[in-house]
Amino acid sequence: MAATLLRRLQPVLALFAAIAVLVVAAPAAHADPDEEGGTKTLRSALESAAKGHIEAKAKLESSKKRQVKLNETLKQSKLKATTLEARVGEIANRSYRQGRFNTMTLLLNSTSPDTFMERALRLDQMAQVDGKALTGYQDAVVTAQQAKTAIDLEVKEQKKQVTVMAKKKQQAEQALASVGGGAVAGGFINANSPLAKAAPRNSDGSWPKESCTVNDPTTSGCITPRLLNSYQQSTNAGFKRYTSCFSERASGEHPKGRACDFSAAKGGFENVNASGGDRTYGNNLAAYLVKNASRLGVLYVIWYRQIWHPGTGWRAYSGSGGPAATHTNHVHLSVI
């Protein structure tokens, strides 16, 4: 009877065995990297410093643009005032020489009604011309003064944002140094990297706030529109190897839909350090993302024990663990 029962169970046991083989042999492409390396505190510090730097830079650039317009306004106002100065001087001299009494005398001494009306019309025309000249001169002087005051305020604003950027750079350096990283690194640069299509900005140059609202084409989760643009632009530039963006994690940008991991190997995330063509692929991708950082809204890029931060450039990044933690098998991208 036991033998009969065993024969009946053989198909079921074979099915379980097949499933076990499939699970063990699942392709690496679906195995997300481990935690991003470093601590939650480190990631939060780097994110805060990067956001602060990017926001300050946007304010700085916006202020410089306003200053350019104000300088042109000041220039044109001064030119207009200078042009009208001679005319204003003539009016002042004539008023001083003749005065109101002499003007009335010219009218009263007219020899006929026609002469009186002719002189009255001419005086009225002169008054209108004089009035326009005086008003134009006054407006030009006031506009110039206002532009100069506004320019002084923009200069103060620019100094303020430069100070903020320096502070954020220092914060990033301190955060990296606290885990044994932060040394200046050679980085990844490729002059031939193509330009990406820029993600939308606000009218003042700042980045609009976005949340996880669009479907992630790499997983069943969601990502921000800005990250979707980064993913699409990277794909269009030829970086089409396996990518995973959204994932449920305890911290970092992945669960917020603001980060992607790009595998260096064609088959997916392999538990080995990338070498040869795979490493070259990662080098080129990292260089592409950094070259287009201001277009894509990049917070930071991590690849092969180095991190690019907007305030510091490429620095050493000491993640502890295997290839996933040290980012030697995938390129990590975080966007603001």
C-alpha atoms as a PDB file:
ATOM      1  CA  MET A   1       0.000   0.000   0.000  1.00  0.00           C
ATOM      2  CA  ALA A   2       2.878   2.334   0.761  1.00  0.00           C
ATOM      3  CA  ALA A   3       4.324   1.591  -2.654  1.00  0.00           C
ATOM      4  CA  THR A   4       1.003   2.444  -4.300  1.00  0.00           C
ATOM      5  CA  LEU A   5       0.841   5.757  -2.436  1.00  0.00           C
ATOM      6  CA  LEU A   6       4.402   6.564  -3.471  1.00  0.00           C
ATOM      7  CA  ARG A   7       3.559   5.911  -7.131  1.00  0.00           C
ATOM      8  CA  ARG A   8       0.575   8.270  -6.891  1.00  0.00           C
ATOM      9  CA  LEU A   9       2.706  11.021  -5.342  1.00  0.00           C
ATOM     10  CA  GLN A  10       5.520  10.795  -7.905  1.00  0.00           C
ATOM     11  CA  PRO A  11       3.924  13.313 -10.386  1.00  0.00           C
ATOM     12  CA  VAL A  12       3.403  15.779  -7.558  1.00  0.00           C
ATOM     13  CA  LEU A  13       6.956  15.367  -6.286  1.00  0.00           C
ATOM     14  CA  ALA A  14       8.296  15.834  -9.809  1.00  0.00           C
ATOM     15  CA  LEU A  15       6.334  19.076 -10.139  1.00  0.00           C
ATOM     16  CA  PHE A  16       7.770  20.404  -6.867  1.00  0.00           C
ATOM     17  CA  ALA A  17      11.265  19.467  -8.010  1.00  0.00           C
ATOM     18  CA  ALA A  18      10.799  21.342 -11.288  1.00  0.00           C
ATOM     19  CA  ILE A  19       9.595  24.439  -9.468  1.00  0.00           C
ATOM     20  CA  ALA A  20      12.601  24.293  -7.156  1.00  0.00           C
ATOM     21  CA  VAL A  21      14.948  24.142 -10.129  1.00  0.00           C
ATOM     22  CA  LEU A  22      13.259  27.140 -11.743  1.00  0.00           C
ATOM     23  CA  VAL A  23      13.528  29.174  -8.557  1.00  0.00           C
ATOM     24  CA  VAL A  24      17.208  28.371  -8.130  1.00  0.00           C
ATOM     25  CA  ALA A  25      17.951  29.113 -11.772  1.00  0.00           C
ATOM     26  CA  ALA A  26      15.998  32.399 -11.899  1.00  0.00           C
ATOM     27  CA  PRO A  27      17.867  34.951 -14.036  1.00  0.00           C
ATOM     28  CA  ALA A  28      19.992  37.569 -12.260  1.00  0.00           C
ATOM     29  CA  ALA A  29      18.092  40.331 -14.037  1.00  0.00           C
ATOM     30  CA  HIS A  30      15.319  40.057 -11.479  1.00  0.00           C
ATOM     31  CA  ALA A  31      17.552  40.138  -8.410  1.00  0.00           C
ATOM     32  CA  ASP A  32      17.742  43.725  -7.214  1.00  0.00           C
ATOM     33  CA  PRO A  33      20.967  44.909  -5.599  1.00  0.00           C
ATOM     34  CA  ASP A  34      21.169  44.920  -1.841  1.00  0.00           C
ATOM     35  CA  GLU A  35      20.891  48.148   0.154  1.00  0.00           C
ATOM     36  CA  GLU A  36      22.832  50.961  -1.465  1.00  0.00           C
ATOM     37  CA  GLY A  37      25.814  50.721   0.862  1.00  0.00           C
ATOM     38  CA  GLY A  38      26.506  53.107   3.701  1.00  0.00           C
ATOM     39  CA  THR A  39      24.038  54.000   6.414  1.00  0.00           C
ATOM     40  CA  LYS A  40      20.633  55.627   6.388  1.00  0.00           C
ATOM     41  CA  THR A  41      22.238  58.633   8.063  1.00  0.00           C
ATOM     42  CA  LEU A  42      24.806  58.905   5.268  1.00  0.00           C
ATOM     43  CA  ARG A  43      22.179  58.692   2.542  1.00  0.00           C
ATOM     44  CA  SER A  44      20.014  61.305   4.259  1.00  0.00           C
ATOM     45  CA  ALA A  45      22.979  63.661   4.669  1.00  0.00           C
ATOM     46  CA  LEU A  46      24.004  63.293   1.025  1.00  0.00           C
ATOM     47  CA  GLU A  47      20.429  63.825  -0.153  1.00  0.00           C
ATOM     48  CA  SER A  48      20.004  66.935   2.004  1.00  0.00           C
ATOM     49  CA  ALA A  49      23.315  68.413   0.896  1.00  0.00           C
ATOM     50  CA  ALA A  50      22.597  67.723  -2.780  1.00  0.00           C
ATOM     51  CA  LYS A  51      19.092  69.222  -2.618  1.00  0.00           C
ATOM     52  CA  GLY A  52      20.373  72.301  -0.822  1.00  0.00           C
ATOM     53  CA  HIS A  53      23.166  72.782  -3.347  1.00  0.00           C
ATOM     54  CA  ILE A  54      20.865  72.358  -6.360  1.00  0.00           C
ATOM     55  CA  GLU A  55      18.259  74.758  -4.952  1.00  0.00           C
ATOM     56  CA  ALA A  56      20.892  77.380  -4.097  1.00  0.00           C
ATOM     57  CA  LYS A  57      22.444  77.068  -7.556  1.00  0.00           C
ATOM     58  CA  ALA A  58      19.039  77.575  -9.190  1.00  0.00           C
ATOM     59  CA  LYS A  59      18.449  80.697  -7.093  1.00  0.00           C
ATOM     60  CA  LEU A  60      21.928  81.965  -7.939  1.00  0.00           C
ATOM     61  CA  GLU A  61      21.408  81.513 -11.668  1.00  0.00           C
ATOM     62  CA  SER A  62      17.951  83.095 -11.499  1.00  0.00           C
ATOM     63  CA  SER A  63      19.378  86.096  -9.655  1.00  0.00           C
ATOM     64  CA  LYS A  64      22.108  86.503 -12.259  1.00  0.00           C
ATOM     65  CA  LYS A  65      19.515  86.515 -15.040  1.00  0.00           C
ATOM     66  CA  ARG A  66      17.504  89.181 -13.238  1.00  0.00           C
ATOM     67  CA  GLN A  67      20.654  91.227 -12.758  1.00  0.00           C
ATOM     68  CA  VAL A  68      21.390  91.111 -16.492  1.00  0.00           C
ATOM     69  CA  LYS A  69      17.929  92.540 -17.221  1.00  0.00           C
ATOM     70  CA  LEU A  70      18.312  95.178 -14.505  1.00  0.00           C
ATOM     71  CA  ASN A  71      21.704  96.236 -15.869  1.00  0.00           C
ATOM     72  CA  GLU A  72      20.116  96.784 -19.271  1.00  0.00           C
ATOM     73  CA  THR A  73      17.289  98.792 -17.687  1.00  0.00           C
ATOM     74  CA  LEU A  74      19.822 100.900 -15.803  1.00  0.00           C
ATOM     75  CA  LYS A  75      21.834 101.477 -18.974  1.00  0.00           C
ATOM     76  CA  GLN A  76      18.800 102.553 -21.024  1.00  0.00           C
ATOM     77  CA  SER A  77      17.473 104.785 -18.232  1.00  0.00           C
ATOM     78  CA  LYS A  78      20.797 106.570 -17.864  1.00  0.00           C
ATOM     79  CA  LEU A  79      21.015 107.048 -21.637  1.00  0.00           C
ATOM     80  CA  LYS A  80      17.519 108.520 -21.728  1.00  0.00           C
ATOM     81  CA  ALA A  81      18.252 110.845 -18.808  1.00  0.00           C
ATOM     82  CA  THR A  82      21.489 112.017 -20.436  1.00  0.00           C
ATOM     83  CA  THR A  83      19.685 112.713 -23.711  1.00  0.00           C
ATOM     84  CA  LEU A  84      17.063 114.830 -21.933  1.00  0.00           C
ATOM     85  CA  GLU A  85      19.472 116.727 -19.678  1.00  0.00           C
ATOM     86  CA  ALA A  86      20.195 119.403 -22.307  1.00  0.00           C
ATOM     87  CA  ARG A  87      16.488 119.932 -22.913  1.00  0.00           C
ATOM     88  CA  VAL A  88      15.758 120.165 -19.188  1.00  0.00           C
ATOM     89  CA  GLY A  89      18.598 122.680 -18.849  1.00  0.00           C
ATOM     90  CA  GLU A  90      17.104 124.863 -21.571  1.00  0.00           C
ATOM     91  CA  ILE A  91      13.714 124.831 -19.858  1.00  0.00           C
ATOM     92  CA  ALA A  92      15.264 125.755 -16.526  1.00  0.00           C
ATOM     93  CA  ASN A  93      17.275 128.639 -18.034  1.00  0.00           C
ATOM     94  CA  ARG A  94      14.290 130.036 -19.919  1.00  0.00           C
ATOM     95  CA  SER A  95      12.103 129.884 -16.834  1.00  0.00           C
ATOM     96  CA  TYR A  96      14.780 131.683 -14.844  1.00  0.00           C
ATOM     97  CA  ARG A  97      15.222 134.440 -17.473  1.00  0.00           C
ATOM     98  CA  GLN A  98      11.570 135.037 -18.308  1.00  0.00           C
ATOM     99  CA  GLY A  99       9.494 133.922 -15.391  1.00  0.00           C
ATOM    100  CA  ARG A 100       5.704 133.717 -15.381  1.00  0.00           C
ATOM    101  CA  PHE A 101       5.244 137.568 -15.436  1.00  0.00           C
ATOM    102  CA  ASN A 102       7.137 137.932 -18.716  1.00  0.00           C
ATOM    103  CA  THR A 103       5.067 135.199 -20.323  1.00  0.00           C
ATOM    104  CA  MET A 104       1.855 137.016 -19.440  1.00  0.00           C
ATOM    105  CA  THR A 105       3.393 140.280 -20.682  1.00  0.00           C
ATOM    106  CA  LEU A 106       4.051 138.690 -24.097  1.00  0.00           C
ATOM    107  CA  LEU A 107       0.369 137.887 -24.377  1.00  0.00           C
ATOM    108  CA  LEU A 108      -0.950 141.233 -23.112  1.00  0.00           C
ATOM    109  CA  ASN A 109       1.323 143.194 -25.444  1.00  0.00           C
ATOM    110  CA  SER A 110      -0.107 141.515 -28.509  1.00  0.00           C
ATOM    111  CA  THR A 111      -1.103 144.077 -31.164  1.00  0.00           C
ATOM    112  CA  SER A 112      -4.207 142.183 -32.281  1.00  0.00           C
ATOM    113  CA  PRO A 113      -6.497 139.313 -31.274  1.00  0.00           C
ATOM    114  CA  ASP A 114      -4.921 137.137 -33.968  1.00  0.00           C
ATOM    115  CA  THR A 115      -1.432 137.805 -32.623  1.00  0.00           C
ATOM    116  CA  PHE A 116      -2.659 137.043 -29.098  1.00  0.00           C
ATOM    117  CA  MET A 117      -4.110 133.669 -30.144  1.00  0.00           C
ATOM    118  CA  GLU A 118      -0.976 132.784 -32.129  1.00  0.00           C
ATOM    119  CA  ARG A 119       1.281 133.492 -29.170  1.00  0.00           C
ATOM    120  CA  ALA A 120      -1.050 131.633 -26.801  1.00  0.00           C
ATOM    121  CA  LEU A 121      -1.003 128.527 -29.008  1.00  0.00           C
ATOM    122  CA  ARG A 122       2.769 128.630 -29.325  1.00  0.00           C
ATOM    123  CA  LEU A 123       3.198 128.967 -25.565  1.00  0.00           C
ATOM    124  CA  ASP A 124       0.793 126.061 -25.003  1.00  0.00           C
ATOM    125  CA  GLN A 125       2.739 123.870 -27.424  1.00  0.00           C
ATOM    126  CA  MET A 126       5.979 124.784 -25.705  1.00  0.00           C
ATOM    127  CA  ALA A 127       4.464 123.940 -22.338  1.00  0.00           C
ATOM    128  CA  GLN A 128       3.367 120.511 -23.590  1.00  0.00           C
ATOM    129  CA  VAL A 129       6.810 119.770 -25.026  1.00  0.00           C
ATOM    130  CA  ASP A 130       8.470 121.015 -21.851  1.00  0.00           C
ATOM    131  CA  GLY A 131       6.138 118.883 -19.740  1.00  0.00           C
ATOM    132  CA  LYS A 132       6.916 115.722 -21.682  1.00  0.00           C
ATOM    133  CA  ALA A 133      10.640 116.391 -21.462  1.00  0.00           C
ATOM    134  CA  LEU A 134      10.520 117.017 -17.716  1.00  0.00           C
ATOM    135  CA  THR A 135       8.306 113.984 -17.062  1.00  0.00           C
ATOM    136  CA  GLY A 136      10.474 111.756 -19.241  1.00  0.00           C
ATOM    137  CA  TYR A 137      13.627 112.922 -17.498  1.00  0.00           C
ATOM    138  CA  GLN A 138      12.110 112.356 -14.047  1.00  0.00           C
ATOM    139  CA  ASP A 139      10.878 108.880 -14.998  1.00  0.00           C
ATOM    140  CA  ALA A 140      14.306 107.949 -16.381  1.00  0.00           C
ATOM    141  CA  VAL A 141      16.076 109.115 -13.212  1.00  0.00           C
ATOM    142  CA  VAL A 142      13.628 107.252 -10.932  1.00  0.00           C
ATOM    143  CA  THR A 143      13.853 104.067 -13.035  1.00  0.00           C
ATOM    144  CA  ALA A 144      17.643 104.202 -12.927  1.00  0.00           C
ATOM    145  CA  GLN A 145      17.616 104.615  -9.152  1.00  0.00           C
ATOM    146  CA  GLN A 146      15.204 101.702  -8.722  1.00  0.00           C
ATOM    147  CA  ALA A 147      17.280  99.494 -11.019  1.00  0.00           C
ATOM    148  CA  LYS A 148      20.450 100.318  -9.099  1.00  0.00           C
ATOM    149  CA  THR A 149      18.769  99.431  -5.792  1.00  0.00           C
ATOM    150  CA  ALA A 150      17.449  96.164  -7.250  1.00  0.00           C
ATOM    151  CA  ILE A 151      20.897  95.283  -8.601  1.00  0.00           C
ATOM    152  CA  ASP A 152      22.428  95.798  -5.154  1.00  0.00           C
ATOM    153  CA  LEU A 153      19.830  93.394  -3.715  1.00  0.00           C
ATOM    154  CA  GLU A 154      20.603  90.791  -6.376  1.00  0.00           C
ATOM    155  CA  VAL A 155      24.306  91.008  -5.573  1.00  0.00           C
ATOM    156  CA  LYS A 156      23.485  90.324  -1.909  1.00  0.00           C
ATOM    157  CA  GLU A 157      21.267  87.407  -2.941  1.00  0.00           C
ATOM    158  CA  GLN A 158      24.047  85.919  -5.036  1.00  0.00           C
ATOM    159  CA  LYS A 159      26.547  86.173  -2.191  1.00  0.00           C
ATOM    160  CA  LYS A 160      24.007  84.460   0.074  1.00  0.00           C
ATOM    161  CA  GLN A 161      23.489  81.536  -2.317  1.00  0.00           C
ATOM    162  CA  VAL A 162      27.236  81.121  -2.881  1.00  0.00           C
ATOM    163  CA  THR A 163      27.599  80.816   0.891  1.00  0.00           C
ATOM    164  CA  VAL A 164      24.806  78.224   1.014  1.00  0.00           C
ATOM    165  CA  MET A 165      26.454  76.199  -1.757  1.00  0.00           C
ATOM    166  CA  ALA A 166      29.783  76.233   0.085  1.00  0.00           C
ATOM    167  CA  LYS A 167      28.046  75.061   3.257  1.00  0.00           C
ATOM    168  CA  LYS A 168      26.275  72.215   1.454  1.00  0.00           C
ATOM    169  CA  LYS A 169      29.538  71.145  -0.141  1.00  0.00           C
ATOM    170  CA  GLN A 170      31.134  71.001   3.294  1.00  0.00           C
ATOM    171  CA  GLN A 171      28.213  68.929   4.619  1.00  0.00           C
ATOM    172  CA  ALA A 172      28.623  66.397   1.810  1.00  0.00           C
ATOM    173  CA  GLU A 173      32.374  66.177   2.388  1.00  0.00           C
ATOM    174  CA  GLN A 174      31.894  65.646   6.111  1.00  0.00           C
ATOM    175  CA  ALA A 175      29.253  62.958   5.524  1.00  0.00           C
ATOM    176  CA  LEU A 176      31.536  61.039   3.160  1.00  0.00           C
ATOM    177  CA  ALA A 177      34.570  61.483   5.414  1.00  0.00           C
ATOM    178  CA  SER A 178      32.620  60.021   8.339  1.00  0.00           C
ATOM    179  CA  VAL A 179      32.531  56.654   6.555  1.00  0.00           C
ATOM    180  CA  GLY A 180      36.089  56.754   5.260  1.00  0.00           C
ATOM    181  CA  GLY A 181      35.358  58.277   1.848  1.00  0.00           C
ATOM    182  CA  GLY A 182      35.349  61.762   0.391  1.00  0.00           C
ATOM    183  CA  ALA A 183      38.813  61.893  -1.179  1.00  0.00           C
ATOM    184  CA  VAL A 184      38.958  63.589  -4.572  1.00  0.00           C
ATOM    185  CA  ALA A 185      38.554  60.920  -7.246  1.00  0.00           C
ATOM    186  CA  GLY A 186      39.280  60.790 -10.945  1.00  0.00           C
ATOM    187  CA  GLY A 187      35.634  60.285 -11.803  1.00  0.00           C
ATOM    188  CA  PHE A 188      34.081  59.255 -15.074  1.00  0.00           C
ATOM    189  CA  ILE A 189      34.035  61.761 -17.929  1.00  0.00           C
ATOM    190  CA  ASN A 190      33.282  61.312 -21.604  1.00  0.00           C
ATOM    191  CA  ALA A 191      33.355  64.355 -23.857  1.00  0.00           C
ATOM    192  CA  ASN A 192      31.358  62.440 -26.458  1.00  0.00           C
ATOM    193  CA  SER A 193      28.391  61.838 -24.176  1.00  0.00           C
ATOM    194  CA  PRO A 194      25.216  63.042 -25.936  1.00  0.00           C
ATOM    195  CA  LEU A 195      22.961  65.704 -24.453  1.00  0.00           C
ATOM    196  CA  ALA A 196      19.708  64.607 -22.840  1.00  0.00           C
ATOM    197  CA  LYS A 197      16.329  66.249 -23.219  1.00  0.00           C
ATOM    198  CA  ALA A 198      15.924  68.488 -20.184  1.00  0.00           C
ATOM    199  CA  ALA A 199      13.198  67.753 -17.653  1.00  0.00           C
ATOM    200  CA  PRO A 200      10.691  70.617 -17.086  1.00  0.00           C
ATOM    201  CA  ARG A 201      11.598  73.342 -14.587  1.00  0.00           C
ATOM    202  CA  ASN A 202       9.602  76.139 -12.983  1.00  0.00           C
ATOM    203  CA  SER A 203       9.736  79.590 -14.578  1.00  0.00           C
ATOM    204  CA  ASP A 204      12.280  80.713 -11.968  1.00  0.00           C
ATOM    205  CA  GLY A 205      14.594  77.801 -12.793  1.00  0.00           C
ATOM    206  CA  SER A 206      13.750  75.703  -9.728  1.00  0.00           C
ATOM    207  CA  TRP A 207      12.620  72.084  -9.909  1.00  0.00           C
ATOM    208  CA  PRO A 208       8.897  71.413  -9.384  1.00  0.00           C
ATOM    209  CA  LYS A 209       8.003  69.083  -6.547  1.00  0.00           C
ATOM    210  CA  GLU A 210       7.095  65.618  -7.799  1.00  0.00           C
ATOM    211  CA  SER A 211       5.890  62.404  -6.204  1.00  0.00           C
ATOM    212  CA  CYS A 212       5.661  58.767  -7.258  1.00  0.00           C
ATOM    213  CA  THR A 213       2.824  59.195  -9.769  1.00  0.00           C
ATOM    214  CA  VAL A 214       3.784  57.397 -12.994  1.00  0.00           C
ATOM    215  CA  ASN A 215       4.200  53.703 -13.696  1.00  0.00           C
ATOM    216  CA  ASP A 216       7.747  52.427 -13.456  1.00  0.00           C
ATOM    217  CA  PRO A 217       8.581  50.725 -16.779  1.00  0.00           C
ATOM    218  CA  THR A 218      11.188  48.562 -15.021  1.00  0.00           C
ATOM    219  CA  THR A 219       9.072  47.195 -12.158  1.00  0.00           C
ATOM    220  CA  SER A 220       5.474  47.040 -11.005  1.00  0.00           C
ATOM    221  CA  GLY A 221       5.987  50.118  -8.824  1.00  0.00           C
ATOM    222  CA  CYS A 222       5.877  53.852  -9.466  1.00  0.00           C
ATOM    223  CA  ILE A 223       8.415  56.626 -10.118  1.00  0.00           C
ATOM    224  CA  THR A 224       8.398  60.399 -10.537  1.00  0.00           C
ATOM    225  CA  PRO A 225       7.996  62.011 -13.989  1.00  0.00           C
ATOM    226  CA  ARG A 226      11.529  63.410 -13.673  1.00  0.00           C
ATOM    227  CA  LEU A 227      13.032  59.968 -13.079  1.00  0.00           C
ATOM    228  CA  LEU A 228      11.015  58.585 -15.996  1.00  0.00           C
ATOM    229  CA  ASN A 229      12.592  61.242 -18.206  1.00  0.00           C
ATOM    230  CA  SER A 230      16.066  60.240 -16.982  1.00  0.00           C
ATOM    231  CA  TYR A 231      15.365  56.578 -17.683  1.00  0.00           C
ATOM    232  CA  GLN A 232      13.962  57.312 -21.153  1.00  0.00           C
ATOM    233  CA  GLN A 233      16.819  59.630 -22.073  1.00  0.00           C
ATOM    234  CA  SER A 234      19.390  57.074 -20.930  1.00  0.00           C
ATOM    235  CA  THR A 235      17.686  54.393 -23.007  1.00  0.00           C
ATOM    236  CA  ASN A 236      17.597  56.698 -26.030  1.00  0.00           C
ATOM    237  CA  ALA A 237      21.325  57.306 -25.575  1.00  0.00           C
ATOM    238  CA  GLY A 238      21.962  53.565 -25.926  1.00  0.00           C
ATOM    239  CA  PHE A 239      22.070  52.441 -22.272  1.00  0.00           C
ATOM    240  CA  LYS A 240      19.527  49.636 -22.539  1.00  0.00           C
ATOM    241  CA  ARG A 241      20.832  46.971 -20.178  1.00  0.00           C
ATOM    242  CA  TYR A 242      18.657  45.759 -17.332  1.00  0.00           C
ATOM    243  CA  THR A 243      17.477  48.520 -15.000  1.00  0.00           C
ATOM    244  CA  SER A 244      15.454  48.458 -11.778  1.00  0.00           C
ATOM    245  CA  CYS A 245      14.043  51.667 -10.314  1.00  0.00           C
ATOM    246  CA  PHE A 246      11.290  51.394  -7.697  1.00  0.00           C
ATOM    247  CA  SER A 247      11.781  48.974  -4.831  1.00  0.00           C
ATOM    248  CA  GLU A 248      10.550  48.627  -1.269  1.00  0.00           C
ATOM    249  CA  ARG A 249      13.438  49.582   1.014  1.00  0.00           C
ATOM    250  CA  ALA A 250      13.866  51.024   4.474  1.00  0.00           C
ATOM    251  CA  SER A 251      15.415  54.280   3.216  1.00  0.00           C
ATOM    252  CA  GLY A 252      16.888  56.019   0.216  1.00  0.00           C
ATOM    253  CA  GLU A 253      15.265  57.247  -2.989  1.00  0.00           C
ATOM    254  CA  HIS A 254      14.165  53.903  -4.483  1.00  0.00           C
ATOM    255  CA  PRO A 255      10.944  53.632  -2.420  1.00  0.00           C
ATOM    256  CA  LYS A 256      10.193  57.269  -3.300  1.00  0.00           C
ATOM    257  CA  GLY A 257      10.442  56.544  -7.006  1.00  0.00           C
ATOM    258  CA  ARG A 258      13.459  58.805  -7.403  1.00  0.00           C
ATOM    259  CA  ALA A 259      16.271  56.307  -8.049  1.00  0.00           C
ATOM    260  CA  CYS A 260      17.294  53.685 -10.586  1.00  0.00           C
ATOM    261  CA  ASP A 261      19.975  50.986 -10.606  1.00  0.00           C
ATOM    262  CA  PHE A 262      21.480  50.231 -14.026  1.00  0.00           C
ATOM    263  CA  SER A 263      23.205  46.854 -14.283  1.00  0.00           C
ATOM    264  CA  ALA A 264      26.655  46.819 -15.832  1.00  0.00           C
ATOM    265  CA  ALA A 265      26.297  43.272 -17.176  1.00  0.00           C
ATOM    266  CA  LYS A 266      23.953  42.475 -20.048  1.00  0.00           C
ATOM    267  CA  GLY A 267      22.202  39.729 -18.103  1.00  0.00           C
ATOM    268  CA  GLY A 268      21.388  41.793 -15.037  1.00  0.00           C
ATOM    269  CA  PHE A 269      22.882  42.346 -11.604  1.00  0.00           C
ATOM    270  CA  GLU A 270      25.741  39.896 -11.235  1.00  0.00           C
ATOM    271  CA  ASN A 271      27.447  39.348  -7.897  1.00  0.00           C
ATOM    272  CA  VAL A 272      30.884  40.189  -9.335  1.00  0.00           C
ATOM    273  CA  ASN A 273      32.853  43.358  -9.975  1.00  0.00           C
ATOM    274  CA  ALA A 274      32.257  44.574 -13.522  1.00  0.00           C
ATOM    275  CA  SER A 275      35.243  44.274 -15.824  1.00  0.00           C
ATOM    276  CA  GLY A 276      36.079  44.630 -19.492  1.00  0.00           C
ATOM    277  CA  GLY A 277      33.151  45.767 -21.626  1.00  0.00           C
ATOM    278  CA  ASP A 278      30.762  45.763 -18.655  1.00  0.00           C
ATOM    279  CA  ARG A 279      32.941  48.205 -16.766  1.00  0.00           C
ATOM    280  CA  THR A 280      33.292  50.404 -19.848  1.00  0.00           C
ATOM    281  CA  TYR A 281      29.495  50.401 -20.158  1.00  0.00           C
ATOM    282  CA  GLY A 282      29.191  51.561 -16.546  1.00  0.00           C
ATOM    283  CA  ASN A 283      31.887  54.225 -17.024  1.00  0.00           C
ATOM    284  CA  ASN A 284      30.091  55.645 -20.051  1.00  0.00           C
ATOM    285  CA  LEU A 285      26.688  55.603 -18.357  1.00  0.00           C
ATOM    286  CA  ALA A 286      28.020  57.378 -15.250  1.00  0.00           C
ATOM    287  CA  ALA A 287      29.708  59.994 -17.464  1.00  0.00           C
ATOM    288  CA  TYR A 288      26.481  60.497 -19.429  1.00  0.00           C
ATOM    289  CA  LEU A 289      24.394  61.048 -16.288  1.00  0.00           C
ATOM    290  CA  VAL A 290      26.880  63.534 -14.832  1.00  0.00           C
ATOM    291  CA  LYS A 291      27.248  65.489 -18.072  1.00  0.00           C
ATOM    292  CA  ASN A 292      23.455  65.905 -18.097  1.00  0.00           C
ATOM    293  CA  ALA A 293      23.069  66.432 -14.358  1.00  0.00           C
ATOM    294  CA  SER A 294      21.567  69.916 -14.663  1.00  0.00           C
ATOM    295  CA  ARG A 295      19.203  68.741 -17.418  1.00  0.00           C
ATOM    296  CA  LEU A 296      17.980  65.681 -15.565  1.00  0.00           C
ATOM    297  CA  GLY A 297      17.949  67.016 -12.000  1.00  0.00           C
ATOM    298  CA  VAL A 298      20.580  64.585 -10.715  1.00  0.00           C
ATOM    299  CA  LEU A 299      21.067  64.399  -6.946  1.00  0.00           C
ATOM    300  CA  TYR A 300      24.019  62.042  -7.190  1.00  0.00           C
ATOM    301  CA  VAL A 301      25.494  59.163  -9.172  1.00  0.00           C
ATOM    302  CA  ILE A 302      27.378  56.222  -7.638  1.00  0.00           C
ATOM    303  CA  TRP A 303      29.607  53.872  -9.627  1.00  0.00           C
ATOM    304  CA  TYR A 304      32.638  51.739  -8.878  1.00  0.00           C
ATOM    305  CA  ARG A 305      33.440  53.058  -5.394  1.00  0.00           C
ATOM    306  CA  GLN A 306      32.987  56.682  -6.459  1.00  0.00           C
ATOM    307  CA  ILE A 307      30.138  59.138  -6.018  1.00  0.00           C
ATOM    308  CA  TRP A 308      29.360  62.276  -8.004  1.00  0.00           C
ATOM    309  CA  HIS A 309      27.704  64.979  -5.923  1.00  0.00           C
ATOM    310  CA  PRO A 310      26.706  68.401  -7.378  1.00  0.00           C
ATOM    311  CA  GLY A 311      28.664  70.205  -4.681  1.00  0.00           C
ATOM    312  CA  THR A 312      31.832  68.122  -4.695  1.00  0.00           C
ATOM    313  CA  GLY A 313      32.216  66.450  -8.064  1.00  0.00           C
ATOM    314  CA  TRP A 314      33.578  62.905  -8.088  1.00  0.00           C
ATOM    315  CA  ARG A 315      34.700  61.624  -4.676  1.00  0.00           C
ATOM    316  CA  ALA A 316      35.652  58.262  -3.205  1.00  0.00           C
ATOM    317  CA  TYR A 317      32.683  56.313  -1.839  1.00  0.00           C
ATOM    318  CA  SER A 318      33.391  53.518   0.602  1.00  0.00           C
ATOM    319  CA  GLY A 319      30.424  51.187   0.648  1.00  0.00           C
ATOM    320  CA  SER A 320      31.062  48.016   2.641  1.00  0.00           C
ATOM    321  CA  GLY A 321      30.026  44.626   1.351  1.00  0.00           C
ATOM    322  CA  GLY A 322      29.783  42.945  -2.004  1.00  0.00           C
ATOM    323  CA  PRO A 323      29.529  44.376  -5.526  1.00  0.00           C
ATOM    324  CA  ALA A 324      26.010  45.693  -4.875  1.00  0.00           C
ATOM    325  CA  ALA A 325      27.071  47.752  -1.851  1.00  0.00           C
ATOM    326  CA  THR A 326      30.285  49.011  -3.449  1.00  0.00           C
ATOM    327  CA  HIS A 327      28.437  49.760  -6.709  1.00  0.00           C
ATOM    328  CA  THR A 328      30.859  47.787  -8.807  1.00  0.00           C
ATOM    329  CA  ASN A 329      28.121  45.854 -10.599  1.00  0.00           C
ATOM    330  CA  HIS A 330      25.606  48.665 -11.194  1.00  0.00           C
ATOM    331  CA  VAL A 331      25.340  52.424 -11.617  1.00  0.00           C
ATOM    332  CA  HIS A 332      23.058  54.152  -9.110  1.00  0.00           C
ATOM    333  CA  LEU A 333      21.159  57.310 -10.079  1.00  0.00           C
ATOM    334  CA  SER A 334      19.143  59.519  -7.723  1.00  0.00           C
ATOM    335  CA  VAL A 335      17.203  62.568  -8.922  1.00  0.00           C
ATOM    336  CA  ILE A 336      15.798  65.484  -6.986  1.00  0.00           C
END
